[in-house]
Amino acid sequence: MKIETLEYILITSRFPTISIAAEKQFISQTTLSSAIKQVEAVVGYAIFERTPKGIALTEKGAEFIRLTEEIVQNYRKILALAETSQFQRVRRIVAHPVACFRYSVPLVQMFHSLAPGICLSVMEVPSQQIISLMEEREYDFGIGYAFMDEDETFLKDAKNAKITAEPMVIDETYAYVGPSSRFYHRESIQLSELKGAHLAFSKNCMNYYFRTKLYKITPSHSIFGDAHLVRQAVEQSDMVTFFMSSKEGPDSFCEHTSLKKLRFEKPAFAPMQHYLLAREDKKRNENDELLLQCIRSTILRDVVGG
């Protein structure tokens, strides 16, 4: 059982129905139900009992959740050991998948050049987990995002968790195709034209797929381990993927590839706002301020192409 699966079940136990729990975690109800059934098959007992009103923990399920909380907490403590080690000076930030793909390498390079004696670790997690991880003091800083039709909820959650959210860049969603695509000669596209297309997604981007209900238009899709594999799959076959990029500056997703970036002729998806997140109660030192400045510089440099 993966920690990620245990976290899904742990979060599910806080909601009255599978559908609500899936919505809050930005995954499909089918995916969540399948994960629960797989774990129940491994442990040999039901964690939840299904009722007309929703779900409830079984007696053994309640004990499972209690032990799972300990496992998840201990796992996070293990990751945090490096911070307290007297032999290693470490700074850790948490970031959503798009930010990791675009910013992690240049950010680490910049920070290392300015603070060569400190190790910077960038942890990729689903966006919906970032605020909770920071609220639980697992991370002091992070890069999060919110779709601009949901940013009020995001900012409210951050405020309640005593996390400052500094707005950074705004991204739009684009479609990407390879040389074998019938759309390769195009500069723009309508979402309806992709009906029946085969989509390629990373595991974390599946949350986006279900959130936007793309599966109703393009039910055929394949899942890959990360954005690099998605890019390779689209470039080498007749697949389509979606990725977020700023209107200005270089596009890190299709840079140095034969991929073609297509804008949508009509607004198809809500824009996405990136946020630099920081715990309000964190007492910052010189290296913390340096890290925050490096994050700002890396993101802005990516936009302007500097």
Protein backbone atom coordinates (compact mmCIF):
# COMPACT_ATOMS: atom_id res chain seq x y z
CA MET A 1 0.00 0.00 0.00
CA LYS A 2 1.31 3.40 -0.99
CA ILE A 3 1.33 6.36 1.38
CA GLU A 4 -0.68 8.31 -1.19
CA THR A 5 -3.44 5.66 -1.09
CA LEU A 6 -3.49 5.68 2.69
CA GLU A 7 -3.80 9.47 2.64
CA TYR A 8 -6.76 9.21 0.25
CA ILE A 9 -8.54 6.83 2.62
CA LEU A 10 -7.64 8.93 5.65
CA ILE A 11 -9.17 12.02 4.05
CA THR A 12 -12.22 10.02 2.92
CA SER A 13 -12.98 9.08 6.53
CA ARG A 14 -13.67 12.75 7.24
CA PHE A 15 -16.55 13.00 4.76
CA PRO A 16 -20.06 11.46 4.73
CA THR A 17 -19.98 10.07 1.17
CA ILE A 18 -17.48 8.73 -1.35
CA SER A 19 -18.59 11.28 -3.94
CA ILE A 20 -17.94 14.25 -1.63
CA ALA A 21 -14.57 12.81 -0.56
CA ALA A 22 -13.58 12.29 -4.20
CA GLU A 23 -14.62 15.81 -5.14
CA LYS A 24 -12.63 17.32 -2.26
CA GLN A 25 -9.55 15.37 -3.35
CA PHE A 26 -10.01 16.19 -7.06
CA ILE A 27 -10.16 12.55 -8.12
CA SER A 28 -12.96 10.52 -9.66
CA GLN A 29 -15.37 8.56 -7.49
CA THR A 30 -14.40 5.45 -9.45
CA THR A 31 -10.70 5.95 -8.70
CA LEU A 32 -11.34 6.48 -5.00
CA SER A 33 -13.72 3.52 -4.69
CA SER A 34 -11.20 1.30 -6.48
CA ALA A 35 -8.41 2.41 -4.10
CA ILE A 36 -10.56 1.61 -1.06
CA LYS A 37 -11.52 -1.82 -2.42
CA GLN A 38 -7.87 -2.66 -3.15
CA VAL A 39 -6.81 -1.82 0.40
CA GLU A 40 -9.80 -3.69 1.87
CA ALA A 41 -8.79 -6.74 -0.20
CA VAL A 42 -5.24 -6.54 1.18
CA VAL A 43 -6.24 -6.18 4.86
CA GLY A 44 -9.11 -8.66 4.57
CA TYR A 45 -11.91 -6.58 6.09
CA ALA A 46 -14.19 -3.68 5.23
CA ILE A 47 -12.99 -0.24 6.25
CA PHE A 48 -16.26 1.47 5.38
CA GLU A 49 -19.80 0.20 5.43
CA ARG A 50 -22.12 1.58 2.78
CA THR A 51 -25.43 2.96 4.00
CA PRO A 52 -28.32 4.76 2.25
CA LYS A 53 -26.95 8.00 3.71
CA GLY A 54 -23.37 7.44 2.63
CA ILE A 55 -20.44 5.70 4.36
CA ALA A 56 -19.47 4.96 7.95
CA LEU A 57 -16.40 3.38 9.49
CA THR A 58 -16.66 -0.21 10.58
CA GLU A 59 -15.22 -1.21 13.95
CA LYS A 60 -12.03 -2.46 12.33
CA GLY A 61 -12.14 0.50 9.94
CA ALA A 62 -11.94 2.92 12.87
CA GLU A 63 -8.83 1.13 14.13
CA PHE A 64 -7.41 1.14 10.59
CA ILE A 65 -7.84 4.93 10.41
CA ARG A 66 -6.21 5.40 13.81
CA LEU A 67 -3.17 3.36 12.76
CA THR A 68 -3.07 5.03 9.35
CA GLU A 69 -2.88 8.46 10.99
CA GLU A 70 0.16 7.26 12.95
CA ILE A 71 1.77 5.82 9.81
CA VAL A 72 1.27 9.02 7.80
CA GLN A 73 2.52 11.21 10.65
CA ASN A 74 5.61 9.03 11.14
CA TYR A 75 6.28 9.02 7.40
CA ARG A 76 6.28 12.81 7.40
CA LYS A 77 8.56 12.85 10.43
CA ILE A 78 11.00 10.62 8.56
CA LEU A 79 11.06 13.08 5.68
CA ALA A 80 11.65 15.92 8.13
CA LEU A 81 14.65 14.25 9.82
CA ALA A 82 17.07 15.84 7.38
CA GLU A 83 16.04 19.29 8.60
CA THR A 84 17.14 18.55 12.15
CA SER A 85 20.26 16.62 11.25
CA GLN A 86 23.44 18.25 12.54
CA PHE A 87 25.31 16.84 9.55
CA GLN A 88 23.13 18.29 6.81
CA ARG A 89 21.64 21.73 6.23
CA VAL A 90 18.41 21.34 4.28
CA ARG A 91 15.57 23.53 3.04
CA ARG A 92 12.41 21.78 1.89
CA ILE A 93 9.50 23.15 -0.07
CA VAL A 94 6.36 21.51 -1.39
CA ALA A 95 4.96 22.22 -4.85
CA HIS A 96 2.23 21.09 -7.20
CA PRO A 97 3.16 18.97 -10.28
CA VAL A 98 3.15 21.77 -12.89
CA ALA A 99 5.40 23.93 -10.68
CA CYS A 100 7.76 21.02 -10.10
CA PHE A 101 8.06 20.36 -13.83
CA ARG A 102 8.70 23.98 -14.72
CA TYR A 103 10.59 25.42 -11.75
CA SER A 104 12.35 22.74 -9.69
CA VAL A 105 15.56 22.42 -11.76
CA PRO A 106 16.23 26.16 -12.29
CA LEU A 107 15.21 26.88 -8.69
CA VAL A 108 17.65 24.32 -7.27
CA GLN A 109 20.40 25.63 -9.55
CA MET A 110 19.84 29.24 -8.51
CA PHE A 111 19.62 28.47 -4.79
CA HIS A 112 22.71 26.25 -4.90
CA SER A 113 24.72 28.98 -6.61
CA LEU A 114 23.81 31.45 -3.84
CA ALA A 115 23.89 29.01 -0.89
CA PRO A 116 26.20 26.12 -1.89
CA GLY A 117 26.32 24.70 1.64
CA ILE A 118 22.56 24.06 1.84
CA CYS A 119 20.60 21.27 0.18
CA LEU A 120 17.24 22.26 -1.35
CA SER A 121 14.59 19.55 -1.63
CA VAL A 122 11.47 20.13 -3.76
CA MET A 123 8.67 17.68 -2.96
CA GLU A 124 5.92 17.14 -5.55
CA VAL A 125 2.44 16.48 -4.15
CA PRO A 126 -1.12 16.92 -5.44
CA SER A 127 -2.17 20.54 -5.06
CA GLN A 128 -5.07 19.77 -2.72
CA GLN A 129 -2.62 18.41 -0.10
CA ILE A 130 -0.24 21.38 0.01
CA ILE A 131 -2.10 23.59 2.50
CA SER A 132 -2.78 20.70 4.87
CA LEU A 133 0.89 19.64 4.82
CA MET A 134 1.98 23.19 5.60
CA GLU A 135 -0.69 23.58 8.27
CA GLU A 136 0.67 20.45 9.94
CA ARG A 137 4.14 22.08 9.87
CA GLU A 138 5.59 19.51 7.48
CA TYR A 139 6.72 22.35 5.21
CA ASP A 140 7.29 26.05 5.81
CA PHE A 141 7.10 27.17 2.17
CA GLY A 142 5.36 25.96 -0.95
CA ILE A 143 4.11 26.71 -4.44
CA GLY A 144 0.39 26.16 -4.81
CA TYR A 145 -2.24 27.05 -7.33
CA ALA A 146 -5.95 27.71 -7.65
CA PHE A 147 -8.18 27.92 -10.68
CA MET A 148 -9.46 31.45 -10.78
CA ASP A 149 -13.07 30.31 -10.48
CA GLU A 150 -12.14 28.75 -7.14
CA ASP A 151 -9.46 31.10 -5.83
CA GLU A 152 -11.68 32.58 -3.10
CA THR A 153 -12.01 29.14 -1.50
CA PHE A 154 -8.26 28.54 -1.83
CA LEU A 155 -7.38 31.87 -0.22
CA LYS A 156 -9.88 31.27 2.58
CA ASP A 157 -8.34 27.85 3.31
CA ALA A 158 -4.86 29.38 3.32
CA LYS A 159 -5.93 32.16 5.68
CA ASN A 160 -7.58 29.69 8.07
CA ALA A 161 -4.35 27.66 8.08
CA LYS A 162 -2.35 30.86 8.80
CA ILE A 163 -0.51 30.69 5.52
CA THR A 164 0.24 33.75 3.43
CA ALA A 165 -0.53 33.36 -0.27
CA GLU A 166 1.44 35.68 -2.53
CA PRO A 167 0.01 35.73 -6.09
CA MET A 168 2.56 35.03 -8.80
CA VAL A 169 1.91 34.18 -12.46
CA ILE A 170 -1.34 33.28 -14.19
CA ASP A 171 -1.40 30.32 -16.58
CA GLU A 172 -3.76 29.39 -19.39
CA THR A 173 -4.46 25.85 -20.56
CA TYR A 174 -3.21 24.82 -24.01
CA ALA A 175 -3.49 21.65 -26.07
CA TYR A 176 -0.29 19.96 -27.28
CA VAL A 177 0.00 17.62 -30.25
CA GLY A 178 2.80 15.77 -32.03
CA PRO A 179 3.83 15.68 -35.71
CA SER A 180 1.47 12.78 -36.51
CA SER A 181 -1.62 14.66 -35.29
CA ARG A 182 -4.15 15.95 -37.82
CA PHE A 183 -4.10 19.22 -35.86
CA TYR A 184 -0.35 19.75 -36.20
CA HIS A 185 -0.66 22.44 -38.88
CA ARG A 186 -3.05 24.46 -36.72
CA GLU A 187 -2.36 27.36 -34.38
CA SER A 188 -5.64 27.09 -32.46
CA ILE A 189 -8.41 24.62 -31.78
CA GLN A 190 -11.86 24.27 -30.28
CA LEU A 191 -12.40 21.83 -27.46
CA SER A 192 -15.25 20.16 -29.32
CA GLU A 193 -12.85 19.21 -32.15
CA LEU A 194 -10.99 16.90 -29.77
CA LYS A 195 -14.00 14.61 -29.38
CA GLY A 196 -12.74 11.04 -29.59
CA ALA A 197 -9.06 11.99 -29.31
CA HIS A 198 -6.70 9.87 -27.20
CA LEU A 199 -5.44 11.91 -24.25
CA ALA A 200 -2.17 11.45 -22.37
CA PHE A 201 -1.89 12.49 -18.73
CA SER A 202 0.46 12.15 -15.82
CA LYS A 203 -0.96 10.55 -12.69
CA ASN A 204 -1.34 13.87 -10.89
CA CYS A 205 -2.90 15.59 -13.91
CA MET A 206 -5.72 13.05 -13.84
CA ASN A 207 -7.22 15.22 -11.10
CA TYR A 208 -7.46 18.00 -13.67
CA TYR A 209 -8.99 15.60 -16.21
CA PHE A 210 -11.87 14.71 -13.93
CA ARG A 211 -12.31 18.21 -12.52
CA THR A 212 -12.96 19.66 -15.98
CA LYS A 213 -15.09 16.65 -17.04
CA LEU A 214 -12.90 16.11 -20.10
CA TYR A 215 -13.76 12.41 -19.93
CA LYS A 216 -17.21 13.26 -21.34
CA ILE A 217 -15.58 14.56 -24.52
CA THR A 218 -12.50 12.34 -24.75
CA PRO A 219 -13.08 9.13 -22.77
CA SER A 220 -9.97 7.46 -24.23
CA HIS A 221 -6.84 8.23 -22.20
CA SER A 222 -3.52 6.81 -21.02
CA ILE A 223 -1.72 7.50 -17.75
CA PHE A 224 2.04 8.04 -17.49
CA GLY A 225 4.33 8.44 -14.50
CA ASP A 226 5.26 12.08 -14.99
CA ALA A 227 5.09 15.04 -17.36
CA HIS A 228 8.31 14.05 -19.14
CA LEU A 229 6.81 10.70 -20.20
CA VAL A 230 3.58 12.43 -21.27
CA ARG A 231 5.58 14.78 -23.48
CA GLN A 232 7.43 11.85 -25.04
CA ALA A 233 4.19 9.91 -25.65
CA VAL A 234 2.52 12.85 -27.40
CA GLU A 235 5.59 13.59 -29.51
CA GLN A 236 5.92 10.00 -30.71
CA SER A 237 2.25 9.08 -31.24
CA ASP A 238 -1.12 10.51 -32.17
CA MET A 239 -2.07 11.61 -28.66
CA VAL A 240 -3.14 14.94 -27.23
CA THR A 241 -2.37 16.40 -23.83
CA PHE A 242 -3.21 19.55 -21.92
CA PHE A 243 -0.71 21.63 -20.02
CA MET A 244 -0.66 25.06 -18.42
CA SER A 245 1.64 27.83 -19.55
CA SER A 246 1.87 31.60 -19.34
CA LYS A 247 1.11 33.66 -22.42
CA GLU A 248 4.51 35.35 -22.19
CA GLY A 249 7.95 33.83 -22.13
CA PRO A 250 9.18 30.37 -23.19
CA ASP A 251 7.06 27.24 -22.89
CA SER A 252 8.99 24.68 -20.86
CA PHE A 253 6.66 21.85 -21.87
CA CYS A 254 7.30 21.93 -25.61
CA GLU A 255 10.76 23.54 -25.56
CA HIS A 256 13.35 21.45 -27.46
CA THR A 257 10.66 19.09 -28.80
CA SER A 258 8.61 18.77 -32.00
CA LEU A 259 5.37 19.35 -30.07
CA LYS A 260 2.93 21.97 -31.30
CA LYS A 261 1.16 24.24 -28.81
CA LEU A 262 -2.45 25.09 -29.70
CA ARG A 263 -4.48 27.81 -28.03
CA PHE A 264 -8.22 27.42 -27.59
CA GLU A 265 -10.31 29.63 -29.87
CA LYS A 266 -12.94 29.97 -27.14
CA PRO A 267 -12.18 29.92 -23.40
CA ALA A 268 -12.27 26.24 -22.48
CA PHE A 269 -10.80 26.20 -18.99
CA ALA A 270 -10.47 28.62 -16.11
CA PRO A 271 -7.03 30.30 -15.82
CA MET A 272 -4.77 29.08 -13.03
CA GLN A 273 -3.15 31.40 -10.48
CA HIS A 274 0.17 30.32 -8.93
CA TYR A 275 0.80 31.30 -5.30
CA LEU A 276 3.96 31.45 -3.24
CA LEU A 277 2.93 30.05 0.15
CA ALA A 278 4.59 30.67 3.50
CA ARG A 279 3.61 29.85 7.07
CA GLU A 280 2.90 33.00 9.03
CA ASP A 281 4.34 31.64 12.28
CA LYS A 282 7.65 30.59 10.72
CA LYS A 283 10.53 32.60 12.14
CA ARG A 284 12.64 33.22 9.06
CA ASN A 285 16.40 33.50 8.91
CA GLU A 286 18.66 34.78 6.16
CA ASN A 287 18.57 31.50 4.22
CA ASP A 288 14.76 31.38 4.33
CA GLU A 289 14.54 34.86 2.85
CA LEU A 290 17.08 33.87 0.22
CA LEU A 291 14.99 30.84 -0.71
CA LEU A 292 11.82 32.91 -1.07
CA GLN A 293 13.63 35.37 -3.29
CA CYS A 294 14.96 32.54 -5.44
CA ILE A 295 11.43 31.16 -5.87
CA ARG A 296 10.13 34.57 -6.95
CA SER A 297 13.05 35.12 -9.32
CA THR A 298 12.73 31.66 -10.87
CA ILE A 299 9.01 31.99 -11.56
CA LEU A 300 9.25 35.53 -12.94
CA ARG A 301 12.30 34.67 -15.04
CA ASP A 302 10.33 31.79 -16.54
CA VAL A 303 7.57 34.19 -17.57
CA VAL A 304 9.70 36.94 -19.09
CA GLY A 305 12.25 34.55 -20.54
CA GLY A 306 15.15 36.23 -18.77
